[in-house]
Amino acid sequence: MDIKLIADNNWNDILAIQAKAYHEVDSETLDVLKSKQTASPETCFVCVSEQNEALGYLLAHPWGESEPPKLFVPLLDTINSQTLYLHDMAVSPYSKGQGIGRAMVAKLIEVAKAKGFKRITLVAIQGADSFWSSLGFKLIVGANISSTYGENAVFMEMEVVA
């Protein structure tokens, strides 16, 4: 298992993982996903097997707004911000339980610290807030979240301590 920056040949696997991971929201298009990587390539990862098959992926980018970005919209610009928004993370259903998600988040925290980010935010969907809580993310009470995230979405954050 190797966590590395996303290469062009990883995108088909990433799209397949995304399609299997989400049942409460629609999948995003390749252009939308790639816009996150274009904005911040050093905070977008793929975890691959020894055969270079994607087992999971993580897309994050700087975000300076108080509310999370809407889904299904390409990221056109990022501003200098001390906040890193974890847009999407998914693991192949065939690879669950191997610690891939935790390893990718650990890698993101390492990069965030090195780049001087002060916090990481995300929207937890499909009941994933318990997973994110186990990693140290805390609920942001009263957050305004776009309906594109589904009914039970919650905004969460983690302080990054250097």
N, C-alpha and C. Protein backbone atom coordinates (compact mmCIF):
# COMPACT_ATOMS: atom_id res chain seq x y z
N MET A 1 0.85 -1.18 0.00
CA MET A 1 0.00 0.00 0.00
C MET A 1 0.90 1.24 0.00
N ASP A 2 0.61 2.16 -0.92
CA ASP A 2 1.43 3.36 -1.08
C ASP A 2 0.50 4.56 -1.28
N ILE A 3 0.71 5.62 -0.50
CA ILE A 3 -0.06 6.85 -0.66
C ILE A 3 0.79 7.83 -1.44
N LYS A 4 0.27 8.29 -2.57
CA LYS A 4 1.05 9.16 -3.44
C LYS A 4 0.14 10.21 -4.05
N LEU A 5 0.75 11.17 -4.72
CA LEU A 5 -0.02 12.18 -5.44
C LEU A 5 -0.75 11.52 -6.60
N ILE A 6 -1.89 12.07 -6.96
CA ILE A 6 -2.72 11.50 -8.01
C ILE A 6 -2.08 11.72 -9.38
N ALA A 7 -2.01 10.65 -10.16
CA ALA A 7 -1.52 10.70 -11.54
C ALA A 7 -2.72 10.56 -12.49
N ASP A 8 -2.54 10.96 -13.74
CA ASP A 8 -3.62 10.88 -14.72
C ASP A 8 -4.23 9.48 -14.83
N ASN A 9 -3.39 8.45 -14.70
CA ASN A 9 -3.90 7.08 -14.86
C ASN A 9 -4.67 6.58 -13.64
N ASN A 10 -4.81 7.37 -12.58
CA ASN A 10 -5.58 6.98 -11.39
C ASN A 10 -7.05 7.38 -11.46
N TRP A 11 -7.41 8.28 -12.36
CA TRP A 11 -8.74 8.87 -12.33
C TRP A 11 -9.87 7.88 -12.61
N ASN A 12 -9.69 6.92 -13.49
CA ASN A 12 -10.75 5.94 -13.74
C ASN A 12 -11.06 5.13 -12.49
N ASP A 13 -10.01 4.73 -11.77
CA ASP A 13 -10.21 4.00 -10.51
C ASP A 13 -10.89 4.89 -9.47
N ILE A 14 -10.50 6.16 -9.41
CA ILE A 14 -11.10 7.09 -8.46
C ILE A 14 -12.59 7.25 -8.74
N LEU A 15 -12.95 7.40 -10.01
CA LEU A 15 -14.37 7.51 -10.37
C LEU A 15 -15.14 6.25 -9.99
N ALA A 16 -14.53 5.09 -10.17
CA ALA A 16 -15.19 3.82 -9.82
C ALA A 16 -15.39 3.72 -8.30
N ILE A 17 -14.39 4.12 -7.53
CA ILE A 17 -14.51 4.10 -6.06
C ILE A 17 -15.61 5.07 -5.63
N GLN A 18 -15.61 6.27 -6.20
CA GLN A 18 -16.63 7.26 -5.84
C GLN A 18 -18.04 6.70 -6.12
N ALA A 19 -18.23 6.07 -7.27
CA ALA A 19 -19.55 5.54 -7.65
C ALA A 19 -20.04 4.49 -6.66
N LYS A 20 -19.12 3.70 -6.10
CA LYS A 20 -19.51 2.66 -5.15
C LYS A 20 -19.68 3.21 -3.73
N ALA A 21 -19.02 4.32 -3.42
CA ALA A 21 -18.99 4.83 -2.04
C ALA A 21 -20.23 5.60 -1.64
N TYR A 22 -20.84 6.28 -2.58
CA TYR A 22 -21.91 7.22 -2.22
C TYR A 22 -23.27 6.73 -2.69
N HIS A 23 -24.21 6.65 -1.75
CA HIS A 23 -25.57 6.25 -2.09
C HIS A 23 -26.60 7.31 -1.69
N GLU A 24 -26.18 8.31 -0.91
CA GLU A 24 -27.12 9.38 -0.52
C GLU A 24 -26.94 10.65 -1.36
N VAL A 25 -25.84 10.75 -2.07
CA VAL A 25 -25.60 11.89 -2.98
C VAL A 25 -25.11 11.34 -4.31
N ASP A 26 -25.30 12.12 -5.35
CA ASP A 26 -24.82 11.72 -6.67
C ASP A 26 -23.31 11.83 -6.74
N SER A 27 -22.72 11.14 -7.70
CA SER A 27 -21.29 11.24 -7.95
C SER A 27 -20.98 12.56 -8.62
N GLU A 28 -19.79 13.08 -8.35
CA GLU A 28 -19.34 14.29 -9.03
C GLU A 28 -18.64 13.90 -10.33
N THR A 29 -18.59 14.83 -11.27
CA THR A 29 -17.96 14.57 -12.55
C THR A 29 -16.44 14.62 -12.42
N LEU A 30 -15.79 14.07 -13.41
CA LEU A 30 -14.33 14.07 -13.45
C LEU A 30 -13.79 15.50 -13.42
N ASP A 31 -14.42 16.41 -14.15
CA ASP A 31 -13.96 17.81 -14.17
C ASP A 31 -14.01 18.44 -12.78
N VAL A 32 -15.07 18.16 -12.04
CA VAL A 32 -15.19 18.72 -10.69
C VAL A 32 -14.10 18.15 -9.79
N LEU A 33 -13.90 16.84 -9.83
CA LEU A 33 -12.87 16.22 -8.99
C LEU A 33 -11.48 16.73 -9.36
N LYS A 34 -11.20 16.78 -10.65
CA LYS A 34 -9.88 17.25 -11.09
C LYS A 34 -9.63 18.71 -10.71
N SER A 35 -10.69 19.51 -10.61
CA SER A 35 -10.50 20.92 -10.25
C SER A 35 -9.92 21.06 -8.84
N LYS A 36 -10.21 20.11 -7.96
CA LYS A 36 -9.64 20.13 -6.60
C LYS A 36 -8.14 19.85 -6.68
N GLN A 37 -7.78 18.87 -7.49
CA GLN A 37 -6.37 18.54 -7.64
C GLN A 37 -5.60 19.66 -8.33
N THR A 38 -6.20 20.28 -9.33
CA THR A 38 -5.54 21.39 -10.02
C THR A 38 -5.27 22.53 -9.06
N ALA A 39 -6.22 22.80 -8.16
CA ALA A 39 -6.08 23.89 -7.20
C ALA A 39 -5.01 23.60 -6.15
N SER A 40 -4.85 22.33 -5.78
CA SER A 40 -3.94 21.99 -4.70
C SER A 40 -3.42 20.55 -4.86
N PRO A 41 -2.55 20.32 -5.84
CA PRO A 41 -2.11 18.95 -6.13
C PRO A 41 -1.40 18.27 -4.95
N GLU A 42 -0.75 19.04 -4.09
CA GLU A 42 0.00 18.44 -2.99
C GLU A 42 -0.89 17.98 -1.83
N THR A 43 -2.20 18.28 -1.89
CA THR A 43 -3.12 17.83 -0.84
C THR A 43 -4.19 16.88 -1.41
N CYS A 44 -3.88 16.26 -2.53
CA CYS A 44 -4.79 15.28 -3.15
C CYS A 44 -3.99 13.99 -3.36
N PHE A 45 -4.49 12.91 -2.78
CA PHE A 45 -3.74 11.65 -2.77
C PHE A 45 -4.57 10.49 -3.29
N VAL A 46 -3.85 9.46 -3.68
CA VAL A 46 -4.46 8.18 -3.99
C VAL A 46 -3.63 7.12 -3.26
N CYS A 47 -4.31 6.13 -2.72
CA CYS A 47 -3.63 5.00 -2.10
C CYS A 47 -3.72 3.86 -3.10
N VAL A 48 -2.57 3.31 -3.47
CA VAL A 48 -2.54 2.28 -4.49
C VAL A 48 -1.94 0.98 -3.96
N SER A 49 -2.34 -0.10 -4.60
CA SER A 49 -1.80 -1.42 -4.28
C SER A 49 -0.44 -1.58 -4.97
N GLU A 50 0.19 -2.71 -4.74
CA GLU A 50 1.46 -3.01 -5.42
C GLU A 50 1.28 -3.08 -6.93
N GLN A 51 0.05 -3.37 -7.38
CA GLN A 51 -0.24 -3.43 -8.82
C GLN A 51 -0.69 -2.08 -9.36
N ASN A 52 -0.58 -1.02 -8.55
CA ASN A 52 -0.96 0.35 -8.89
C ASN A 52 -2.47 0.52 -9.10
N GLU A 53 -3.26 -0.33 -8.47
CA GLU A 53 -4.72 -0.19 -8.49
C GLU A 53 -5.11 0.71 -7.31
N ALA A 54 -5.95 1.69 -7.58
CA ALA A 54 -6.38 2.61 -6.53
C ALA A 54 -7.25 1.88 -5.51
N LEU A 55 -6.91 2.06 -4.23
CA LEU A 55 -7.66 1.47 -3.13
C LEU A 55 -8.51 2.53 -2.43
N GLY A 56 -8.12 3.78 -2.59
CA GLY A 56 -8.83 4.90 -1.98
C GLY A 56 -8.22 6.20 -2.46
N TYR A 57 -8.93 7.29 -2.19
CA TYR A 57 -8.42 8.60 -2.60
C TYR A 57 -8.87 9.66 -1.60
N LEU A 58 -8.18 10.78 -1.63
CA LEU A 58 -8.50 11.93 -0.77
C LEU A 58 -8.23 13.20 -1.57
N LEU A 59 -9.20 14.12 -1.58
CA LEU A 59 -9.06 15.39 -2.27
C LEU A 59 -9.27 16.52 -1.27
N ALA A 60 -8.30 17.41 -1.14
CA ALA A 60 -8.41 18.54 -0.22
C ALA A 60 -7.82 19.77 -0.90
N HIS A 61 -8.30 20.95 -0.46
CA HIS A 61 -7.81 22.20 -1.03
C HIS A 61 -8.01 23.33 -0.02
N PRO A 62 -7.26 24.42 -0.17
CA PRO A 62 -7.48 25.58 0.71
C PRO A 62 -8.89 26.12 0.53
N TRP A 63 -9.46 26.63 1.61
CA TRP A 63 -10.81 27.20 1.55
C TRP A 63 -10.91 28.28 2.60
N GLY A 64 -11.30 29.48 2.18
CA GLY A 64 -11.35 30.61 3.09
C GLY A 64 -12.73 31.03 3.54
N GLU A 65 -13.76 30.35 3.08
CA GLU A 65 -15.13 30.73 3.43
C GLU A 65 -15.55 30.10 4.75
N SER A 66 -16.57 30.70 5.38
CA SER A 66 -17.06 30.16 6.65
C SER A 66 -17.99 28.96 6.46
N GLU A 67 -18.52 28.79 5.27
CA GLU A 67 -19.35 27.62 4.99
C GLU A 67 -18.68 26.80 3.90
N PRO A 68 -18.95 25.49 3.87
CA PRO A 68 -18.27 24.63 2.89
C PRO A 68 -18.73 24.90 1.47
N PRO A 69 -17.87 24.57 0.50
CA PRO A 69 -18.26 24.74 -0.91
C PRO A 69 -19.38 23.77 -1.27
N LYS A 70 -20.15 24.12 -2.29
CA LYS A 70 -21.21 23.23 -2.78
C LYS A 70 -20.58 22.08 -3.55
N LEU A 71 -21.27 20.96 -3.54
CA LEU A 71 -20.86 19.84 -4.37
C LEU A 71 -21.22 20.13 -5.83
N PHE A 72 -20.61 19.41 -6.73
CA PHE A 72 -20.91 19.42 -8.17
C PHE A 72 -20.48 20.70 -8.89
N VAL A 73 -19.70 21.54 -8.21
CA VAL A 73 -19.24 22.80 -8.80
C VAL A 73 -17.72 22.78 -8.86
N PRO A 74 -17.14 22.97 -10.04
CA PRO A 74 -15.68 23.00 -10.12
C PRO A 74 -15.11 24.13 -9.27
N LEU A 75 -13.98 23.86 -8.69
CA LEU A 75 -13.28 24.86 -7.89
C LEU A 75 -12.49 25.74 -8.85
N LEU A 76 -12.85 27.00 -8.93
CA LEU A 76 -12.22 27.89 -9.89
C LEU A 76 -11.01 28.59 -9.31
N ASP A 77 -11.09 28.95 -8.07
CA ASP A 77 -10.03 29.72 -7.43
C ASP A 77 -9.88 29.28 -5.99
N THR A 78 -8.68 29.32 -5.50
CA THR A 78 -8.49 29.18 -4.06
C THR A 78 -7.75 30.43 -3.62
N ILE A 79 -8.03 30.83 -2.41
CA ILE A 79 -7.35 31.99 -1.87
C ILE A 79 -6.35 31.51 -0.84
N ASN A 80 -5.45 32.38 -0.48
CA ASN A 80 -4.55 32.06 0.61
C ASN A 80 -5.38 31.91 1.86
N SER A 81 -5.31 30.78 2.48
CA SER A 81 -6.14 30.50 3.64
C SER A 81 -5.36 29.64 4.62
N GLN A 82 -5.73 29.73 5.87
CA GLN A 82 -5.13 28.85 6.88
C GLN A 82 -5.98 27.61 7.10
N THR A 83 -7.05 27.48 6.29
CA THR A 83 -7.94 26.33 6.39
C THR A 83 -7.82 25.47 5.15
N LEU A 84 -7.73 24.18 5.39
CA LEU A 84 -7.71 23.19 4.32
C LEU A 84 -9.06 22.47 4.37
N TYR A 85 -9.76 22.43 3.25
CA TYR A 85 -11.06 21.76 3.19
C TYR A 85 -10.87 20.37 2.59
N LEU A 86 -11.23 19.35 3.35
CA LEU A 86 -11.16 17.98 2.87
C LEU A 86 -12.45 17.71 2.10
N HIS A 87 -12.37 17.84 0.80
CA HIS A 87 -13.54 17.77 -0.07
C HIS A 87 -14.13 16.36 -0.16
N ASP A 88 -13.27 15.37 -0.28
CA ASP A 88 -13.76 14.01 -0.50
C ASP A 88 -12.70 13.00 -0.12
N MET A 89 -13.13 11.95 0.53
CA MET A 89 -12.27 10.80 0.78
C MET A 89 -13.14 9.56 0.68
N ALA A 90 -12.70 8.58 -0.07
CA ALA A 90 -13.43 7.33 -0.20
C ALA A 90 -12.44 6.18 -0.36
N VAL A 91 -12.85 5.03 0.15
CA VAL A 91 -12.06 3.82 0.07
C VAL A 91 -12.87 2.77 -0.67
N SER A 92 -12.22 2.02 -1.51
CA SER A 92 -12.88 0.94 -2.24
C SER A 92 -13.55 -0.01 -1.24
N PRO A 93 -14.76 -0.47 -1.56
CA PRO A 93 -15.42 -1.41 -0.64
C PRO A 93 -14.61 -2.70 -0.45
N TYR A 94 -13.75 -3.02 -1.40
CA TYR A 94 -12.92 -4.22 -1.31
C TYR A 94 -11.70 -4.02 -0.41
N SER A 95 -11.46 -2.77 -0.01
CA SER A 95 -10.27 -2.45 0.78
C SER A 95 -10.60 -1.92 2.17
N LYS A 96 -11.88 -1.90 2.52
CA LYS A 96 -12.29 -1.37 3.83
C LYS A 96 -11.69 -2.21 4.95
N GLY A 97 -11.44 -1.54 6.08
CA GLY A 97 -10.93 -2.22 7.25
C GLY A 97 -9.42 -2.39 7.28
N GLN A 98 -8.73 -1.83 6.29
CA GLN A 98 -7.28 -1.96 6.22
C GLN A 98 -6.55 -0.71 6.71
N GLY A 99 -7.30 0.28 7.20
CA GLY A 99 -6.68 1.49 7.71
C GLY A 99 -6.30 2.50 6.64
N ILE A 100 -6.81 2.33 5.43
CA ILE A 100 -6.45 3.20 4.31
C ILE A 100 -6.94 4.63 4.56
N GLY A 101 -8.19 4.78 4.99
CA GLY A 101 -8.72 6.11 5.26
C GLY A 101 -7.92 6.83 6.33
N ARG A 102 -7.65 6.15 7.43
CA ARG A 102 -6.86 6.75 8.52
C ARG A 102 -5.46 7.13 8.04
N ALA A 103 -4.85 6.29 7.21
CA ALA A 103 -3.51 6.57 6.70
C ALA A 103 -3.51 7.80 5.79
N MET A 104 -4.54 7.93 4.95
CA MET A 104 -4.60 9.10 4.07
C MET A 104 -4.84 10.37 4.87
N VAL A 105 -5.67 10.31 5.91
CA VAL A 105 -5.89 11.49 6.75
C VAL A 105 -4.61 11.85 7.49
N ALA A 106 -3.88 10.87 7.98
CA ALA A 106 -2.59 11.14 8.64
C ALA A 106 -1.64 11.83 7.69
N LYS A 107 -1.61 11.40 6.44
CA LYS A 107 -0.76 12.03 5.42
C LYS A 107 -1.21 13.47 5.18
N LEU A 108 -2.53 13.69 5.12
CA LEU A 108 -3.04 15.05 4.92
C LEU A 108 -2.65 15.95 6.09
N ILE A 109 -2.76 15.46 7.30
CA ILE A 109 -2.39 16.26 8.48
C ILE A 109 -0.90 16.60 8.42
N GLU A 110 -0.09 15.65 8.04
CA GLU A 110 1.36 15.88 7.90
C GLU A 110 1.64 17.00 6.89
N VAL A 111 0.98 16.95 5.73
CA VAL A 111 1.16 17.97 4.69
C VAL A 111 0.61 19.32 5.18
N ALA A 112 -0.54 19.29 5.85
CA ALA A 112 -1.15 20.53 6.37
C ALA A 112 -0.20 21.22 7.34
N LYS A 113 0.40 20.47 8.23
CA LYS A 113 1.36 21.05 9.18
C LYS A 113 2.55 21.65 8.44
N ALA A 114 3.09 20.92 7.49
CA ALA A 114 4.26 21.39 6.74
C ALA A 114 3.95 22.65 5.94
N LYS A 115 2.71 22.80 5.49
CA LYS A 115 2.33 23.96 4.69
C LYS A 115 1.75 25.10 5.52
N GLY A 116 1.66 24.93 6.84
CA GLY A 116 1.23 26.01 7.72
C GLY A 116 -0.27 26.18 7.87
N PHE A 117 -1.06 25.17 7.49
CA PHE A 117 -2.50 25.26 7.71
C PHE A 117 -2.80 25.14 9.20
N LYS A 118 -3.82 25.86 9.67
CA LYS A 118 -4.19 25.86 11.09
C LYS A 118 -5.34 24.91 11.40
N ARG A 119 -6.15 24.60 10.39
CA ARG A 119 -7.25 23.67 10.62
C ARG A 119 -7.65 23.00 9.32
N ILE A 120 -8.35 21.87 9.49
CA ILE A 120 -8.92 21.13 8.37
C ILE A 120 -10.42 21.04 8.63
N THR A 121 -11.22 21.36 7.62
CA THR A 121 -12.68 21.23 7.74
C THR A 121 -13.17 20.21 6.72
N LEU A 122 -14.38 19.70 6.95
CA LEU A 122 -14.99 18.75 6.04
C LEU A 122 -16.49 18.70 6.32
N VAL A 123 -17.22 18.13 5.40
CA VAL A 123 -18.64 17.83 5.61
C VAL A 123 -18.75 16.31 5.65
N ALA A 124 -19.24 15.79 6.77
CA ALA A 124 -19.45 14.35 6.91
C ALA A 124 -20.86 14.02 6.42
N ILE A 125 -20.94 13.03 5.53
CA ILE A 125 -22.23 12.59 5.00
C ILE A 125 -22.40 11.10 5.27
N GLN A 126 -23.62 10.64 5.05
CA GLN A 126 -23.94 9.21 5.16
C GLN A 126 -23.56 8.63 6.52
N GLY A 127 -23.66 9.46 7.58
CA GLY A 127 -23.37 8.98 8.93
C GLY A 127 -21.89 8.82 9.25
N ALA A 128 -21.03 9.38 8.42
CA ALA A 128 -19.58 9.23 8.62
C ALA A 128 -19.03 10.11 9.74
N ASP A 129 -19.87 10.94 10.38
CA ASP A 129 -19.36 11.83 11.43
C ASP A 129 -18.74 11.04 12.58
N SER A 130 -19.19 9.82 12.85
CA SER A 130 -18.58 9.04 13.92
C SER A 130 -17.14 8.64 13.55
N PHE A 131 -16.90 8.31 12.28
CA PHE A 131 -15.54 8.02 11.82
C PHE A 131 -14.66 9.25 11.99
N TRP A 132 -15.14 10.40 11.53
CA TRP A 132 -14.35 11.62 11.61
C TRP A 132 -14.11 12.03 13.06
N SER A 133 -15.10 11.84 13.92
CA SER A 133 -14.93 12.13 15.35
C SER A 133 -13.81 11.27 15.94
N SER A 134 -13.73 10.02 15.52
CA SER A 134 -12.69 9.12 16.04
C SER A 134 -11.29 9.58 15.64
N LEU A 135 -11.20 10.42 14.61
CA LEU A 135 -9.91 10.96 14.17
C LEU A 135 -9.61 12.32 14.79
N GLY A 136 -10.55 12.85 15.58
CA GLY A 136 -10.33 14.13 16.25
C GLY A 136 -11.09 15.31 15.67
N PHE A 137 -11.94 15.08 14.68
CA PHE A 137 -12.75 16.17 14.13
C PHE A 137 -13.91 16.44 15.06
N LYS A 138 -14.26 17.73 15.19
CA LYS A 138 -15.35 18.15 16.07
C LYS A 138 -16.43 18.86 15.24
N LEU A 139 -17.67 18.71 15.69
CA LEU A 139 -18.81 19.31 15.04
C LEU A 139 -18.75 20.83 15.12
N ILE A 140 -19.07 21.50 14.01
CA ILE A 140 -19.23 22.96 13.99
C ILE A 140 -20.73 23.21 14.08
N VAL A 141 -21.16 23.67 15.23
CA VAL A 141 -22.58 23.86 15.49
C VAL A 141 -23.12 25.07 14.72
N GLY A 142 -24.30 24.92 14.14
CA GLY A 142 -24.97 26.02 13.46
C GLY A 142 -24.43 26.36 12.09
N ALA A 143 -23.67 25.45 11.50
CA ALA A 143 -23.08 25.73 10.18
C ALA A 143 -24.14 25.69 9.09
N ASN A 144 -23.95 26.52 8.08
CA ASN A 144 -24.83 26.55 6.93
C ASN A 144 -24.23 25.64 5.86
N ILE A 145 -24.89 24.50 5.61
CA ILE A 145 -24.39 23.51 4.67
C ILE A 145 -25.33 23.42 3.49
N SER A 146 -24.80 23.45 2.29
CA SER A 146 -25.60 23.33 1.07
C SER A 146 -26.39 22.03 1.07
N SER A 147 -27.58 22.08 0.54
CA SER A 147 -28.43 20.89 0.43
C SER A 147 -27.83 19.85 -0.51
N THR A 148 -26.81 20.23 -1.29
CA THR A 148 -26.18 19.27 -2.19
C THR A 148 -25.52 18.11 -1.43
N TYR A 149 -25.25 18.30 -0.13
CA TYR A 149 -24.60 17.27 0.68
C TYR A 149 -25.58 16.24 1.24
N GLY A 150 -26.87 16.43 1.04
CA GLY A 150 -27.84 15.49 1.57
C GLY A 150 -28.39 15.95 2.91
N GLU A 151 -29.32 15.17 3.43
CA GLU A 151 -30.09 15.59 4.60
C GLU A 151 -29.33 15.62 5.92
N ASN A 152 -28.51 14.65 6.20
CA ASN A 152 -27.90 14.54 7.52
C ASN A 152 -26.43 14.94 7.54
N ALA A 153 -26.03 15.81 6.65
CA ALA A 153 -24.65 16.25 6.57
C ALA A 153 -24.30 17.15 7.76
N VAL A 154 -23.07 17.01 8.25
CA VAL A 154 -22.60 17.86 9.34
C VAL A 154 -21.22 18.43 8.99
N PHE A 155 -21.02 19.68 9.36
CA PHE A 155 -19.75 20.38 9.12
C PHE A 155 -18.85 20.11 10.33
N MET A 156 -17.59 19.76 10.07
CA MET A 156 -16.67 19.38 11.14
C MET A 156 -15.32 20.05 10.92
N GLU A 157 -14.54 20.13 12.00
CA GLU A 157 -13.20 20.72 11.90
C GLU A 157 -12.23 20.04 12.83
N MET A 158 -10.96 20.18 12.50
CA MET A 158 -9.85 19.71 13.33
C MET A 158 -8.80 20.80 13.34
N GLU A 159 -8.36 21.18 14.51
CA GLU A 159 -7.25 22.11 14.63
C GLU A 159 -5.96 21.36 14.29
N VAL A 160 -5.10 21.98 13.51
CA VAL A 160 -3.82 21.38 13.15
C VAL A 160 -2.75 22.04 14.01
N VAL A 161 -2.11 21.25 14.84
CA VAL A 161 -1.09 21.77 15.73
C VAL A 161 0.27 21.36 15.20
N ALA A 162 1.07 22.36 14.92
CA ALA A 162 2.41 22.08 14.35
C ALA A 162 3.35 21.48 15.38
